[in-house]
Structures are given as C-alpha cells and as structure tokens.
Amino acid sequence: MLRQNDKMQDNALLDPFGRRITYLRLSVTDRCDFRCTYCMSEDMVFAPRAQILSLEELYAVADAFIGLGVKRIRITGGEPLVRKNLLDLLGRLGTRSELDDLAITTNGSQLAHMAGDLREAGVTRLNISLDSLRRERFAAFTRRDRLDQVLDGIAVARRAGFRRIKLNSVVQKGRNDDEVQDLVAFAVEQGIDISFIEEMPLGSISSHERKVTLCTSDEVRERVAQRFDLLPSSHRTGGPSRYWQVLGSDTQVGFISPHSRNFCGDCNRVRVTAEGKLVLCLGHEGALDLKALIRRHPGDGERLRAALVDALRLKPERHFFEADQQVQVVRFMSMTGG
C-alpha cells in the first residue's frame, strides 16, 4: 500500500482555477484492432514498443495519482484489451481500496472472451464504442467488418455483472445521425446507458469534413426526444456527459458536447498516454514526459508525485474546439487515450 505523505496530500492535484483532479484516464496502448475514421488513419504508424510504458510503469503512474487523491481510473487506448497481460495490471489496481471506480473504454471486440476476467479483476464499469447498428455502416466507420463480434461482446458483458455498461456513439451529420433513435432503443432493450459525442477535432483526417458532419448535442437530443420521453437526470459518472433519463426504463442518455457546450469549468481529469505523456487538456498539445522521469528515477514515487503536483499548475482553463478551422491538435485520439 502506498505510504501516505501528509504534505503532498494537502497539495493534492489542484489546478490554478481551483479544480481538483480526482479522475485519471490511463492509456495502456496506442494500438487497436479497428481503424475508426475519426480516431486514426488507415495506415497508422504506432509507437515502437520500447517507447510504451511497461505494465509496472503504468502501475507506478496510477499509484502516484492514487496517492494524490485520484478516486477514478479509466483504462483506455487505442484498444486497451489488445495489450498483452493487461489483466495483471487490472488485478493490482482492482485491489486498491482508495479507488471508487475502475473502468475501461473498449471497442468491444475482445469482450466475448474477456468480460468475465475483467470483472473478476475488479473492473466496475465499461464504456463500449458503437456508432452504428448497420453492418455496412459499422464497417465504414471502423474499417473493419466486425459488428457481430461487438454485439456478442456486449451480450457477454451484460451477464458478467458490471456496475454499469455504457455505449459511446460519435454522431456525424449525414453519416449516422439517422440512427440515434435506434441506438437509444438498443440501449433500452439491453438495459444499459448510452452517450452521444460531438466529434472532437483531433488529428488530420480525409474521410469527411468535420465542419460539415458536426451534429450538436441539442440536435441529437431533439431527434431522440421525438421517440422517447427524456427527463433531466442528476446521474454523474465523473466524466463530461450530461444525462437524461429515458422514461419507463433504467437507461440514461448522455451528451458530451466539446463544441456546443463547453464542459471545462468543472474538469476533474487528466490523461496519461501509453508513451507516458501527461496530457493536462485534450484540446492542447502541451504534455509532461513522465516516462523520462520514471526511467531516470525508477521506484521514486515521491519524486513522481511532486512532478504531478507541479505540472497541474500549467493546466489550461479550457479548450477551444472549432470544427471549421485548421486542426488545433495534431495527435489522433488513439495516441492520446479515449
């Protein structure tokens, strides 16, 4: 168990705007078995394996954050479930009583054979990316024809006993916005939640023009409300989603609105990439190289915690995403961690 440091606990992870960081999104790989058009290019060049944090280094990062008051950790990628021996890391994190929540964001491709092991390791919640229920359209989004594989994974995950399961759908006008009602109906039928996400302008893409395909959360909610009665909900998961309850069901419908409704005012999270870069804000390029520190001073948790506290002084107040402007952040989402 991490030795407590009272002085460090007093400082904790507080940014210049008084926001306390209690939520870490920790990427374990930049690799993925899909090639989603808004997330990466088809001919993606991945980082050399030597540049990726080892499982022991990833645990050291998580341990330092937990020691500074982080209560929620979400494991991301790339596709985290393709990371070899990931269950070893999850098993160690799953024993940490300080954590209120250990979650994973996944494309669902590996869930059919891994969901039970994930739950046993201590994972409490799953976010599963699903942008379409139509086979050809799903294949166009992901550049892989594996919809049945993902649907099978969702079915297995539902039986595994997670606290909550949520679908994440990136909505694009003229590409899948006509499916939002069907996606909500599927979530209700399965007894799970769903969040609709405005596409974030990360990385240069050629498959579509973001300024043309941007579909705002208000537009999506209006379309959903044509078929379902939605009630404002106080449900929170620690992330940026704002939720509505589907009347007559347990399903929560969330909306993540980086363009139309800035959610930075109550930001409580940072990201660490698979290469060990501490990303203080998704909408800015600046990052601190934790890997260099960890490899220069292995086992020095106090030094790592001090570096995290210092870095938080540079956290920006907010992002500025504009769909009709040049890409402001050149890294793809897969390189940052979802």
Protein backbone atom coordinates (compact mmCIF):
# COMPACT_ATOMS: atom_id res chain seq x y z
CA MET A 1 0.00 0.00 0.00
CA LEU A 2 1.27 3.47 -0.86
CA ARG A 3 2.91 5.29 2.07
CA GLN A 4 0.94 8.48 2.76
CA ASN A 5 2.64 11.85 2.61
CA ASP A 6 0.62 14.42 4.55
CA LYS A 7 2.20 17.45 2.88
CA MET A 8 1.59 16.05 -0.59
CA GLN A 9 -1.97 15.14 0.34
CA ASP A 10 -2.59 18.73 1.41
CA ASN A 11 -1.45 19.98 -2.01
CA ALA A 12 -3.11 17.14 -3.91
CA LEU A 13 -3.84 17.74 -7.58
CA LEU A 14 -5.26 21.24 -7.68
CA ASP A 15 -5.02 23.39 -10.81
CA PRO A 16 -4.72 27.21 -10.95
CA PHE A 17 -8.52 27.52 -11.32
CA GLY A 18 -9.34 25.62 -8.14
CA ARG A 19 -10.32 22.39 -9.88
CA ARG A 20 -9.30 19.23 -8.04
CA ILE A 21 -8.20 16.30 -10.18
CA THR A 22 -9.78 13.06 -8.99
CA TYR A 23 -10.07 11.19 -12.31
CA LEU A 24 -7.24 9.68 -14.41
CA ARG A 25 -7.61 8.32 -17.93
CA LEU A 26 -4.67 5.98 -18.37
CA SER A 27 -3.85 4.69 -21.85
CA VAL A 28 -2.13 1.31 -21.97
CA THR A 29 -1.53 1.13 -25.74
CA ASP A 30 -1.82 3.21 -28.89
CA ARG A 31 -2.60 0.08 -30.92
CA CYS A 32 -6.07 -1.02 -31.97
CA ASP A 33 -7.68 -3.78 -34.00
CA PHE A 34 -10.08 -1.22 -35.58
CA ARG A 35 -9.25 1.89 -37.61
CA CYS A 36 -12.15 4.22 -36.77
CA THR A 37 -12.15 7.12 -39.21
CA TYR A 38 -12.42 9.85 -36.55
CA CYS A 39 -9.78 8.25 -34.32
CA MET A 40 -6.87 7.22 -36.56
CA SER A 41 -5.72 6.85 -40.12
CA GLU A 42 -5.88 3.55 -42.01
CA ASP A 43 -2.08 3.43 -42.32
CA MET A 44 -1.44 4.45 -38.72
CA VAL A 45 2.18 4.38 -37.54
CA PHE A 46 2.32 3.15 -33.96
CA ALA A 47 4.96 3.95 -31.39
CA PRO A 48 7.86 1.47 -31.05
CA ARG A 49 7.12 -0.95 -28.23
CA ALA A 50 10.15 0.23 -26.28
CA GLN A 51 8.56 3.67 -26.09
CA ILE A 52 5.37 2.32 -24.49
CA LEU A 53 5.20 2.22 -20.71
CA SER A 54 5.60 -1.24 -19.21
CA LEU A 55 2.83 -2.61 -17.00
CA GLU A 56 5.00 -1.89 -13.98
CA GLU A 57 5.50 1.70 -15.11
CA LEU A 58 1.78 2.10 -15.77
CA TYR A 59 1.08 0.89 -12.24
CA ALA A 60 3.65 3.36 -10.85
CA VAL A 61 1.82 6.20 -12.60
CA ALA A 62 -1.55 5.04 -11.28
CA ASP A 63 -0.10 4.58 -7.80
CA ALA A 64 1.23 8.15 -7.78
CA PHE A 65 -2.15 9.54 -8.83
CA ILE A 66 -3.98 7.46 -6.23
CA GLY A 67 -1.60 8.83 -3.61
CA LEU A 68 -2.67 12.33 -4.63
CA GLY A 69 -6.37 11.73 -4.24
CA VAL A 70 -7.48 10.25 -7.56
CA LYS A 71 -10.56 8.12 -6.96
CA ARG A 72 -11.44 7.06 -10.50
CA ILE A 73 -9.23 5.46 -13.13
CA ARG A 74 -10.37 4.67 -16.66
CA ILE A 75 -8.13 2.39 -18.74
CA THR A 76 -8.05 3.46 -22.39
CA GLY A 77 -6.15 3.05 -25.66
CA GLY A 78 -6.02 2.52 -28.66
CA GLU A 79 -7.91 -0.60 -27.76
CA PRO A 80 -6.79 -1.49 -24.23
CA LEU A 81 -7.87 -5.11 -24.43
CA VAL A 82 -5.23 -5.89 -27.07
CA ARG A 83 -2.49 -5.04 -24.53
CA LYS A 84 -0.70 -8.24 -23.55
CA ASN A 85 -1.09 -9.23 -19.89
CA LEU A 86 -3.41 -6.30 -19.18
CA LEU A 87 -5.25 -8.38 -16.58
CA ASP A 88 -2.11 -8.32 -14.40
CA LEU A 89 -2.30 -4.51 -14.19
CA LEU A 90 -6.07 -4.52 -13.68
CA GLY A 91 -5.78 -7.09 -10.90
CA ARG A 92 -3.35 -4.86 -8.99
CA LEU A 93 -5.48 -1.77 -9.46
CA GLY A 94 -8.60 -3.72 -8.56
CA THR A 95 -7.25 -4.28 -5.05
CA ARG A 96 -6.78 -0.57 -4.35
CA SER A 97 -9.43 0.32 -1.78
CA GLU A 98 -8.84 4.03 -2.40
CA LEU A 99 -10.46 3.75 -5.83
CA ASP A 100 -14.20 4.25 -6.14
CA ASP A 101 -14.21 3.24 -9.78
CA LEU A 102 -12.03 1.24 -12.17
CA ALA A 103 -13.41 1.44 -15.70
CA ILE A 104 -12.39 0.60 -19.26
CA THR A 105 -13.22 2.17 -22.61
CA THR A 106 -13.21 -0.51 -25.32
CA ASN A 107 -14.39 -1.11 -28.86
CA GLY A 108 -15.94 -4.35 -27.62
CA SER A 109 -14.09 -6.66 -29.99
CA GLN A 110 -12.47 -8.72 -27.22
CA LEU A 111 -15.31 -8.73 -24.68
CA ALA A 112 -16.82 -12.06 -25.67
CA HIS A 113 -13.83 -13.89 -24.20
CA MET A 114 -12.56 -11.29 -21.69
CA ALA A 115 -15.58 -9.76 -19.95
CA GLY A 116 -15.67 -12.28 -17.12
CA ASP A 117 -11.95 -11.92 -16.41
CA LEU A 118 -12.23 -8.13 -16.44
CA ARG A 119 -15.00 -8.20 -13.86
CA GLU A 120 -13.06 -10.67 -11.71
CA ALA A 121 -10.00 -8.39 -11.86
CA GLY A 122 -12.02 -5.56 -10.33
CA VAL A 123 -13.25 -3.54 -13.31
CA THR A 124 -16.53 -1.91 -12.27
CA ARG A 125 -17.76 -0.19 -15.45
CA LEU A 126 -17.42 -0.49 -19.23
CA ASN A 127 -17.76 2.09 -21.99
CA ILE A 128 -18.20 0.39 -25.36
CA SER A 129 -17.85 2.34 -28.61
CA LEU A 130 -20.73 1.69 -31.02
CA ASP A 131 -21.52 4.20 -33.77
CA SER A 132 -23.90 2.11 -35.87
CA LEU A 133 -26.10 -0.97 -35.73
CA ARG A 134 -25.94 -1.41 -39.51
CA ARG A 135 -23.27 -3.80 -40.68
CA GLU A 136 -22.06 -1.91 -43.75
CA ARG A 137 -22.08 1.42 -41.96
CA PHE A 138 -20.27 -0.04 -38.94
CA ALA A 139 -17.61 -1.39 -41.31
CA ALA A 140 -17.27 2.02 -42.94
CA PHE A 141 -16.78 3.74 -39.57
CA THR A 142 -14.31 1.22 -38.17
CA ARG A 143 -12.80 -0.01 -41.46
CA ARG A 144 -13.47 -3.50 -40.07
CA ASP A 145 -16.50 -5.78 -40.62
CA ARG A 146 -16.94 -6.90 -37.01
CA LEU A 147 -20.33 -5.68 -35.83
CA ASP A 148 -21.49 -9.19 -34.84
CA GLN A 149 -18.32 -9.63 -32.78
CA VAL A 150 -19.03 -6.42 -30.87
CA LEU A 151 -22.70 -7.27 -30.31
CA ASP A 152 -21.70 -10.69 -28.96
CA GLY A 153 -19.24 -8.95 -26.64
CA ILE A 154 -21.95 -6.64 -25.31
CA ALA A 155 -24.19 -9.62 -24.59
CA VAL A 156 -21.43 -11.41 -22.66
CA ALA A 157 -20.54 -8.23 -20.76
CA ARG A 158 -24.14 -7.77 -19.64
CA ARG A 159 -24.04 -11.19 -17.98
CA ALA A 160 -20.70 -10.52 -16.25
CA GLY A 161 -22.13 -8.27 -13.54
CA PHE A 162 -20.53 -4.86 -14.14
CA ARG A 163 -21.94 -1.95 -12.15
CA ARG A 164 -22.81 -0.07 -15.33
CA ILE A 165 -22.28 -0.54 -19.06
CA LYS A 166 -22.50 2.42 -21.41
CA LEU A 167 -22.31 2.76 -25.17
CA ASN A 168 -20.40 5.68 -26.68
CA SER A 169 -21.56 6.90 -30.09
CA VAL A 170 -19.84 9.65 -32.08
CA VAL A 171 -22.62 11.26 -34.12
CA GLN A 172 -21.91 12.70 -37.56
CA LYS A 173 -24.49 14.53 -39.64
CA GLY A 174 -25.34 12.68 -42.83
CA ARG A 175 -23.39 9.61 -41.73
CA ASN A 176 -25.16 8.13 -38.70
CA ASP A 177 -27.38 10.83 -37.15
CA ASP A 178 -30.41 8.99 -38.55
CA GLU A 179 -29.59 6.09 -36.21
CA VAL A 180 -29.66 7.86 -32.84
CA GLN A 181 -33.20 6.69 -32.07
CA ASP A 182 -32.32 3.09 -32.96
CA LEU A 183 -29.20 3.27 -30.78
CA VAL A 184 -31.25 4.51 -27.83
CA ALA A 185 -33.81 1.76 -28.44
CA PHE A 186 -31.00 -0.80 -28.42
CA ALA A 187 -29.62 0.60 -25.15
CA VAL A 188 -33.08 0.46 -23.55
CA GLU A 189 -33.60 -3.10 -24.77
CA GLN A 190 -30.23 -4.15 -23.34
CA GLY A 191 -30.72 -2.29 -20.05
CA ILE A 192 -27.57 -0.19 -20.50
CA ASP A 193 -26.72 3.50 -20.92
CA ILE A 194 -25.57 5.47 -23.95
CA SER A 195 -23.71 8.74 -24.55
CA PHE A 196 -23.70 10.68 -27.81
CA ILE A 197 -20.49 12.58 -28.54
CA GLU A 198 -19.76 15.56 -30.76
CA GLU A 199 -16.68 14.67 -32.81
CA MET A 200 -13.51 16.26 -31.49
CA PRO A 201 -11.08 17.84 -33.99
CA LEU A 202 -8.04 15.72 -33.16
CA GLY A 203 -5.66 14.65 -35.92
CA SER A 204 -5.92 15.30 -39.65
CA ILE A 205 -8.46 13.10 -41.45
CA SER A 206 -9.53 12.63 -45.07
CA SER A 207 -12.73 10.58 -44.70
CA HIS A 208 -15.02 13.57 -44.06
CA GLU A 209 -15.14 17.31 -43.37
CA ARG A 210 -15.76 17.91 -39.70
CA LYS A 211 -17.43 21.28 -40.25
CA VAL A 212 -19.99 19.54 -42.50
CA THR A 213 -20.62 16.48 -40.32
CA LEU A 214 -20.74 18.20 -36.90
CA CYS A 215 -24.01 17.26 -35.22
CA THR A 216 -24.56 19.13 -31.97
CA SER A 217 -25.86 17.58 -28.79
CA ASP A 218 -29.00 19.70 -28.96
CA GLU A 219 -29.75 18.36 -32.44
CA VAL A 220 -29.24 14.79 -31.27
CA ARG A 221 -31.36 15.26 -28.16
CA GLU A 222 -34.20 16.76 -30.20
CA ARG A 223 -34.13 13.75 -32.51
CA VAL A 224 -34.11 11.29 -29.59
CA ALA A 225 -37.00 13.17 -27.92
CA GLN A 226 -39.16 12.61 -30.99
CA ARG A 227 -39.39 8.94 -29.98
CA PHE A 228 -38.54 8.81 -26.26
CA ASP A 229 -39.60 10.85 -23.24
CA LEU A 230 -36.45 12.26 -21.64
CA LEU A 231 -36.26 13.61 -18.09
CA PRO A 232 -33.29 15.64 -16.79
CA SER A 233 -31.13 13.38 -14.61
CA SER A 234 -28.73 14.01 -11.76
CA HIS A 235 -26.76 10.91 -12.77
CA ARG A 236 -22.98 11.53 -12.91
CA THR A 237 -20.06 9.24 -13.70
CA GLY A 238 -17.15 11.66 -13.19
CA GLY A 239 -16.80 12.41 -16.90
CA PRO A 240 -18.21 15.21 -19.09
CA SER A 241 -21.52 13.55 -20.01
CA ARG A 242 -24.72 15.32 -19.01
CA TYR A 243 -27.52 12.79 -18.65
CA TRP A 244 -31.24 12.42 -19.31
CA GLN A 245 -33.37 9.51 -18.11
CA VAL A 246 -35.44 7.57 -20.61
CA LEU A 247 -38.88 7.48 -19.01
CA GLY A 248 -40.01 3.97 -18.17
CA SER A 249 -36.52 2.46 -18.26
CA ASP A 250 -33.22 2.38 -16.35
CA THR A 251 -31.34 3.79 -19.36
CA GLN A 252 -29.51 7.09 -19.05
CA VAL A 253 -28.80 9.03 -22.27
CA GLY A 254 -25.72 11.23 -22.02
CA PHE A 255 -24.45 14.06 -24.22
CA ILE A 256 -20.78 15.06 -24.48
CA SER A 257 -20.56 18.50 -26.08
CA PRO A 258 -16.99 19.76 -26.58
CA HIS A 259 -18.16 22.15 -29.33
CA SER A 260 -21.61 23.38 -28.39
CA ARG A 261 -21.48 23.35 -24.59
CA ASN A 262 -18.02 23.70 -23.09
CA PHE A 263 -17.64 21.49 -20.03
CA CYS A 264 -14.23 22.68 -18.85
CA GLY A 265 -15.49 24.65 -15.85
CA ASP A 266 -15.73 21.55 -13.68
CA CYS A 267 -12.96 19.49 -15.30
CA ASN A 268 -11.67 16.91 -12.83
CA ARG A 269 -9.46 14.79 -15.09
CA VAL A 270 -6.15 14.42 -16.87
CA ARG A 271 -4.81 11.83 -19.28
CA VAL A 272 -1.60 9.84 -19.47
CA THR A 273 -0.74 8.41 -22.87
CA ALA A 274 0.71 4.96 -23.46
CA GLU A 275 4.07 6.65 -24.02
CA GLY A 276 3.89 8.28 -20.61
CA LYS A 277 2.91 11.81 -21.62
CA LEU A 278 0.79 13.65 -19.07
CA VAL A 279 -1.86 15.48 -21.12
CA LEU A 280 -3.40 18.20 -18.98
CA CYS A 281 -6.09 19.12 -21.51
CA LEU A 282 -7.41 17.19 -24.50
CA GLY A 283 -7.57 20.39 -26.56
CA HIS A 284 -3.93 21.42 -26.09
CA GLU A 285 -0.67 19.96 -27.36
CA GLY A 286 1.39 20.53 -24.21
CA ALA A 287 2.38 17.44 -22.19
CA LEU A 288 4.85 16.40 -19.49
CA ASP A 289 7.11 13.40 -20.19
CA LEU A 290 6.54 11.14 -17.19
CA LYS A 291 8.33 8.24 -18.85
CA ALA A 292 11.67 10.05 -18.78
CA LEU A 293 11.22 10.76 -15.08
CA ILE A 294 10.16 7.22 -14.23
CA ARG A 295 13.04 5.62 -16.14
CA ARG A 296 15.57 8.06 -14.75
CA HIS A 297 14.37 7.54 -11.18
CA PRO A 298 12.71 4.10 -11.03
CA GLY A 299 10.80 3.43 -7.83
CA ASP A 300 10.89 7.07 -6.69
CA GLY A 301 7.19 7.61 -6.09
CA GLU A 302 7.69 10.77 -4.08
CA ARG A 303 9.54 12.46 -6.95
CA LEU A 304 6.81 11.39 -9.38
CA ARG A 305 4.04 12.74 -7.16
CA ALA A 306 5.87 16.05 -6.77
CA ALA A 307 6.18 16.32 -10.56
CA LEU A 308 2.43 15.74 -10.96
CA VAL A 309 1.59 18.44 -8.42
CA ASP A 310 3.92 20.89 -10.19
CA ALA A 311 2.51 20.02 -13.63
CA LEU A 312 -1.06 20.80 -12.57
CA ARG A 313 -0.06 24.46 -12.23
CA LEU A 314 0.07 24.54 -16.04
CA LYS A 315 -3.37 23.04 -16.70
CA PRO A 316 -5.24 25.37 -19.13
CA GLU A 317 -8.57 26.85 -18.18
CA ARG A 318 -10.36 25.39 -21.20
CA HIS A 319 -10.11 24.03 -24.72
CA PHE A 320 -11.18 25.84 -27.89
CA PHE A 321 -12.58 23.44 -30.47
CA GLU A 322 -13.75 24.92 -33.78
CA ALA A 323 -14.97 22.48 -36.42
CA ASP A 324 -14.45 24.91 -39.29
CA GLN A 325 -10.84 25.78 -38.50
CA GLN A 326 -7.49 24.07 -39.06
CA VAL A 327 -6.76 21.13 -36.77
CA GLN A 328 -5.53 22.57 -33.49
CA VAL A 329 -4.23 19.27 -32.05
CA VAL A 330 -2.32 17.08 -34.49
CA ARG A 331 -2.29 13.90 -32.40
CA PHE A 332 -5.05 11.38 -33.07
CA MET A 333 -7.39 10.34 -30.28
CA SER A 334 -5.84 6.87 -30.33
CA MET A 335 -2.50 8.42 -29.39
CA THR A 336 -3.99 10.37 -26.50
CA GLY A 337 -6.28 7.79 -24.99
CA GLY A 338 -10.07 7.95 -25.17
